[in-house]
C-alpha atoms as a PDB file:
ATOM      1  CA  MET A   1       0.000   0.000   0.000  1.00  0.00           C
ATOM      2  CA  THR A   2       2.898   2.374   0.666  1.00  0.00           C
ATOM      3  CA  VAL A   3       4.163   2.057  -2.917  1.00  0.00           C
ATOM      4  CA  ALA A   4       0.710   2.956  -4.242  1.00  0.00           C
ATOM      5  CA  ARG A   5       0.552   6.035  -2.025  1.00  0.00           C
ATOM      6  CA  VAL A   6       4.032   7.186  -3.040  1.00  0.00           C
ATOM      7  CA  ARG A   7       3.060   6.773  -6.694  1.00  0.00           C
ATOM      8  CA  MET A   8      -0.096   8.804  -6.153  1.00  0.00           C
ATOM      9  CA  LEU A   9       1.869  11.585  -4.419  1.00  0.00           C
ATOM     10  CA  LEU A  10       4.399  11.689  -7.263  1.00  0.00           C
ATOM     11  CA  VAL A  11       1.677  11.789  -9.907  1.00  0.00           C
ATOM     12  CA  THR A  12      -0.212  14.493  -8.000  1.00  0.00           C
ATOM     13  CA  LEU A  13       2.930  16.623  -7.725  1.00  0.00           C
ATOM     14  CA  TRP A  14       3.876  16.099 -11.366  1.00  0.00           C
ATOM     15  CA  VAL A  15       0.517  16.529 -13.074  1.00  0.00           C
ATOM     16  CA  GLY A  16      -0.641  19.252 -10.685  1.00  0.00           C
ATOM     17  CA  SER A  17       2.466  21.337 -11.280  1.00  0.00           C
ATOM     18  CA  LEU A  18       2.310  20.682 -15.027  1.00  0.00           C
ATOM     19  CA  TRP A  19      -1.261  21.938 -15.272  1.00  0.00           C
ATOM     20  CA  THR A  20      -0.782  24.836 -12.833  1.00  0.00           C
ATOM     21  CA  ILE A  21       2.314  26.276 -14.474  1.00  0.00           C
ATOM     22  CA  GLY A  22       1.218  25.695 -18.055  1.00  0.00           C
ATOM     23  CA  TYR A  23      -2.422  26.660 -17.867  1.00  0.00           C
ATOM     24  CA  VAL A  24      -2.692  29.047 -14.901  1.00  0.00           C
ATOM     25  CA  VAL A  25       0.619  30.710 -14.030  1.00  0.00           C
ATOM     26  CA  ALA A  26       2.147  31.303 -17.487  1.00  0.00           C
ATOM     27  CA  PRO A  27      -1.038  32.751 -19.031  1.00  0.00           C
ATOM     28  CA  THR A  28      -1.508  34.921 -15.937  1.00  0.00           C
ATOM     29  CA  LEU A  29       2.016  36.308 -16.312  1.00  0.00           C
ATOM     30  CA  PHE A  30       1.364  37.350 -19.906  1.00  0.00           C
ATOM     31  CA  ALA A  31      -2.056  38.773 -19.041  1.00  0.00           C
ATOM     32  CA  THR A  32      -0.798  40.704 -16.017  1.00  0.00           C
ATOM     33  CA  LEU A  33       2.666  41.999 -16.869  1.00  0.00           C
ATOM     34  CA  ALA A  34       2.939  44.801 -19.395  1.00  0.00           C
ATOM     35  CA  ASP A  35       6.465  43.712 -20.294  1.00  0.00           C
ATOM     36  CA  ARG A  36       6.114  40.565 -22.456  1.00  0.00           C
ATOM     37  CA  VAL A  37       9.866  39.979 -22.341  1.00  0.00           C
ATOM     38  CA  LEU A  38       9.779  39.863 -18.538  1.00  0.00           C
ATOM     39  CA  ALA A  39       6.712  37.607 -18.610  1.00  0.00           C
ATOM     40  CA  GLY A  40       8.506  35.287 -21.046  1.00  0.00           C
ATOM     41  CA  PHE A  41      11.640  35.297 -18.908  1.00  0.00           C
ATOM     42  CA  ILE A  42       9.719  34.341 -15.750  1.00  0.00           C
ATOM     43  CA  ALA A  43       7.630  31.746 -17.596  1.00  0.00           C
ATOM     44  CA  GLY A  44      10.811  30.279 -19.056  1.00  0.00           C
ATOM     45  CA  LYS A  45      12.322  29.897 -15.586  1.00  0.00           C
ATOM     46  CA  LEU A  46       9.146  28.205 -14.351  1.00  0.00           C
ATOM     47  CA  PHE A  47       9.062  25.828 -17.329  1.00  0.00           C
ATOM     48  CA  ARG A  48      12.715  24.966 -16.630  1.00  0.00           C
ATOM     49  CA  ILE A  49      11.799  23.983 -13.066  1.00  0.00           C
ATOM     50  CA  GLU A  50       8.803  22.043 -14.397  1.00  0.00           C
ATOM     51  CA  ALA A  51      10.977  20.174 -16.896  1.00  0.00           C
ATOM     52  CA  TRP A  52      13.416  19.024 -14.210  1.00  0.00           C
ATOM     53  CA  LEU A  53      10.534  18.134 -11.895  1.00  0.00           C
ATOM     54  CA  SER A  54       9.055  16.067 -14.742  1.00  0.00           C
ATOM     55  CA  VAL A  55      12.309  14.177 -15.205  1.00  0.00           C
ATOM     56  CA  ALA A  56      12.617  13.498 -11.458  1.00  0.00           C
ATOM     57  CA  CYS A  57       9.002  12.344 -11.090  1.00  0.00           C
ATOM     58  CA  ALA A  58       9.221  10.157 -14.203  1.00  0.00           C
ATOM     59  CA  ILE A  59      12.379   8.437 -12.987  1.00  0.00           C
ATOM     60  CA  ALA A  60      10.916   7.906  -9.512  1.00  0.00           C
ATOM     61  CA  LEU A  61       7.707   6.477 -10.982  1.00  0.00           C
ATOM     62  CA  ILE A  62       9.576   4.203 -13.394  1.00  0.00           C
ATOM     63  CA  VAL A  63      11.623   2.851 -10.486  1.00  0.00           C
ATOM     64  CA  SER A  64       8.445   2.396  -8.418  1.00  0.00           C
ATOM     65  CA  PHE A  65       6.959   0.136 -11.100  1.00  0.00           C
ATOM     66  CA  LYS A  66       9.492  -2.533 -10.110  1.00  0.00           C
ATOM     67  CA  TRP A  67       7.351  -3.180  -7.022  1.00  0.00           C
ATOM     68  CA  PRO A  68       3.907  -4.668  -7.518  1.00  0.00           C
ATOM     69  CA  VAL A  69       0.872  -3.128  -5.868  1.00  0.00           C
ATOM     70  CA  GLU A  70      -1.934  -5.285  -4.553  1.00  0.00           C
ATOM     71  CA  GLY A  71      -4.785  -5.428  -7.050  1.00  0.00           C
ATOM     72  CA  ARG A  72      -2.618  -4.410 -10.042  1.00  0.00           C
ATOM     73  CA  ASP A  73      -1.365  -6.953 -12.511  1.00  0.00           C
ATOM     74  CA  THR A  74       1.794  -6.727 -14.596  1.00  0.00           C
ATOM     75  CA  ARG A  75      -0.181  -5.579 -17.633  1.00  0.00           C
ATOM     76  CA  ALA A  76      -1.642  -2.623 -15.731  1.00  0.00           C
ATOM     77  CA  ARG A  77       1.835  -1.628 -14.516  1.00  0.00           C
ATOM     78  CA  LYS A  78       3.159  -1.816 -18.083  1.00  0.00           C
ATOM     79  CA  HIS A  79       0.312   0.414 -19.239  1.00  0.00           C
ATOM     80  CA  LEU A  80       1.192   2.978 -16.547  1.00  0.00           C
ATOM     81  CA  LEU A  81       4.857   2.697 -17.504  1.00  0.00           C
ATOM     82  CA  TRP A  82       4.000   3.528 -21.124  1.00  0.00           C
ATOM     83  CA  ILE A  83       2.053   6.617 -20.040  1.00  0.00           C
ATOM     84  CA  VAL A  84       4.909   7.816 -17.810  1.00  0.00           C
ATOM     85  CA  SER A  85       7.421   7.131 -20.596  1.00  0.00           C
ATOM     86  CA  GLY A  86       5.300   9.118 -23.047  1.00  0.00           C
ATOM     87  CA  MET A  87       5.130  12.027 -20.633  1.00  0.00           C
ATOM     88  CA  LEU A  88       8.891  11.890 -20.126  1.00  0.00           C
ATOM     89  CA  ALA A  89       9.431  11.810 -23.899  1.00  0.00           C
ATOM     90  CA  CYS A  90       7.276  14.931 -24.247  1.00  0.00           C
ATOM     91  CA  THR A  91       9.472  16.714 -21.692  1.00  0.00           C
ATOM     92  CA  LEU A  92      12.692  15.602 -23.345  1.00  0.00           C
ATOM     93  CA  LEU A  93      11.517  16.612 -26.808  1.00  0.00           C
ATOM     94  CA  GLY A  94       9.592  19.739 -25.877  1.00  0.00           C
ATOM     95  CA  TYR A  95      11.902  21.284 -23.335  1.00  0.00           C
ATOM     96  CA  PHE A  96      15.346  19.787 -23.691  1.00  0.00           C
ATOM     97  CA  SER A  97      15.327  19.605 -27.516  1.00  0.00           C
ATOM     98  CA  LEU A  98      13.219  22.529 -28.722  1.00  0.00           C
ATOM     99  CA  GLN A  99      13.835  25.100 -25.975  1.00  0.00           C
ATOM    100  CA  PRO A 100      17.587  25.382 -26.705  1.00  0.00           C
ATOM    101  CA  LEU A 101      16.752  26.084 -30.355  1.00  0.00           C
ATOM    102  CA  MET A 102      14.317  28.826 -29.294  1.00  0.00           C
ATOM    103  CA  ALA A 103      16.903  30.267 -26.895  1.00  0.00           C
ATOM    104  CA  ALA A 104      19.488  30.345 -29.703  1.00  0.00           C
ATOM    105  CA  LEU A 105      17.059  32.284 -31.889  1.00  0.00           C
ATOM    106  CA  LYS A 106      16.521  34.814 -29.092  1.00  0.00           C
ATOM    107  CA  GLU A 107      20.276  35.102 -28.554  1.00  0.00           C
ATOM    108  CA  SER A 108      20.884  35.774 -32.252  1.00  0.00           C
ATOM    109  CA  ALA A 109      18.428  38.676 -32.280  1.00  0.00           C
ATOM    110  CA  VAL A 110      20.168  41.939 -33.098  1.00  0.00           C
ATOM    111  CA  GLY A 111      19.391  44.567 -30.494  1.00  0.00           C
ATOM    112  CA  GLY A 112      16.813  42.251 -28.971  1.00  0.00           C
ATOM    113  CA  VAL A 113      14.727  42.264 -32.165  1.00  0.00           C
ATOM    114  CA  MET A 114      14.329  39.120 -34.268  1.00  0.00           C
ATOM    115  CA  ASP A 115      14.058  39.392 -38.019  1.00  0.00           C
ATOM    116  CA  ALA A 116      10.942  38.008 -39.724  1.00  0.00           C
ATOM    117  CA  ALA A 117      12.497  34.620 -40.535  1.00  0.00           C
ATOM    118  CA  ALA A 118      13.738  34.124 -36.961  1.00  0.00           C
ATOM    119  CA  ARG A 119      10.382  35.232 -35.554  1.00  0.00           C
ATOM    120  CA  SER A 120       8.598  32.757 -37.820  1.00  0.00           C
ATOM    121  CA  ARG A 121      10.952  29.919 -36.855  1.00  0.00           C
ATOM    122  CA  PHE A 122      10.584  30.812 -33.167  1.00  0.00           C
ATOM    123  CA  GLY A 123       6.787  30.743 -33.506  1.00  0.00           C
ATOM    124  CA  LEU A 124       6.914  27.347 -35.189  1.00  0.00           C
ATOM    125  CA  LEU A 125       9.206  25.884 -32.512  1.00  0.00           C
ATOM    126  CA  HIS A 126       7.060  27.393 -29.761  1.00  0.00           C
ATOM    127  CA  GLY A 127       3.954  25.882 -31.338  1.00  0.00           C
ATOM    128  CA  VAL A 128       5.527  22.428 -31.560  1.00  0.00           C
ATOM    129  CA  ALA A 129       6.736  22.679 -27.947  1.00  0.00           C
ATOM    130  CA  SER A 130       3.195  23.696 -26.922  1.00  0.00           C
ATOM    131  CA  VAL A 131       1.779  20.619 -28.656  1.00  0.00           C
ATOM    132  CA  PHE A 132       4.214  18.391 -26.731  1.00  0.00           C
ATOM    133  CA  TYR A 133       3.138  20.139 -23.508  1.00  0.00           C
ATOM    134  CA  LEU A 134      -0.525  19.567 -24.351  1.00  0.00           C
ATOM    135  CA  ILE A 135       0.098  15.884 -25.113  1.00  0.00           C
ATOM    136  CA  GLN A 136       1.978  15.545 -21.828  1.00  0.00           C
ATOM    137  CA  SER A 137      -0.922  17.229 -20.014  1.00  0.00           C
ATOM    138  CA  ILE A 138      -3.459  14.860 -21.555  1.00  0.00           C
ATOM    139  CA  LEU A 139      -1.292  11.837 -20.746  1.00  0.00           C
ATOM    140  CA  GLY A 140      -1.068  13.191 -17.197  1.00  0.00           C
ATOM    141  CA  GLY A 141      -4.862  13.150 -16.989  1.00  0.00           C
ATOM    142  CA  PHE A 142      -4.875   9.522 -18.153  1.00  0.00           C
ATOM    143  CA  LEU A 143      -2.208   8.708 -15.575  1.00  0.00           C
ATOM    144  CA  VAL A 144      -4.258  10.220 -12.758  1.00  0.00           C
ATOM    145  CA  TRP A 145      -7.360   8.386 -14.010  1.00  0.00           C
ATOM    146  CA  LYS A 146      -5.600   5.004 -14.297  1.00  0.00           C
ATOM    147  CA  LEU A 147      -3.740   5.281 -11.003  1.00  0.00           C
ATOM    148  CA  ARG A 148      -6.738   6.087  -8.828  1.00  0.00           C
END
């Protein structure tokens, strides 16, 4: 029973923080702060923390699947493992692969202003990263549903 409770705490922390930062805090920053650069800077720092939290929670959950929980068969654990792995993949692709490319585009901006091509590429990368975040959020909902 302890393993099941630890899993539930990890999932609650992970999915709760994912949804709160992505769908409450970040939009609030952009809606509240007049300086979009500052809002983006703060949101970026929060997404960095979220990405590392995602990695830590995923690893802890993957390790926890080595121990069976009463009432759960091996197939159910494998299903949960696939969901966690998918969420981790979304973090690795969305944050650790795409974010450095977006940061490089911002760094290359002359006088803090991106040219049209860089702005377009940044928008595309941001959109793809947002899709990964959405997929991770949906998988998180499935994880909460399946783990209950």
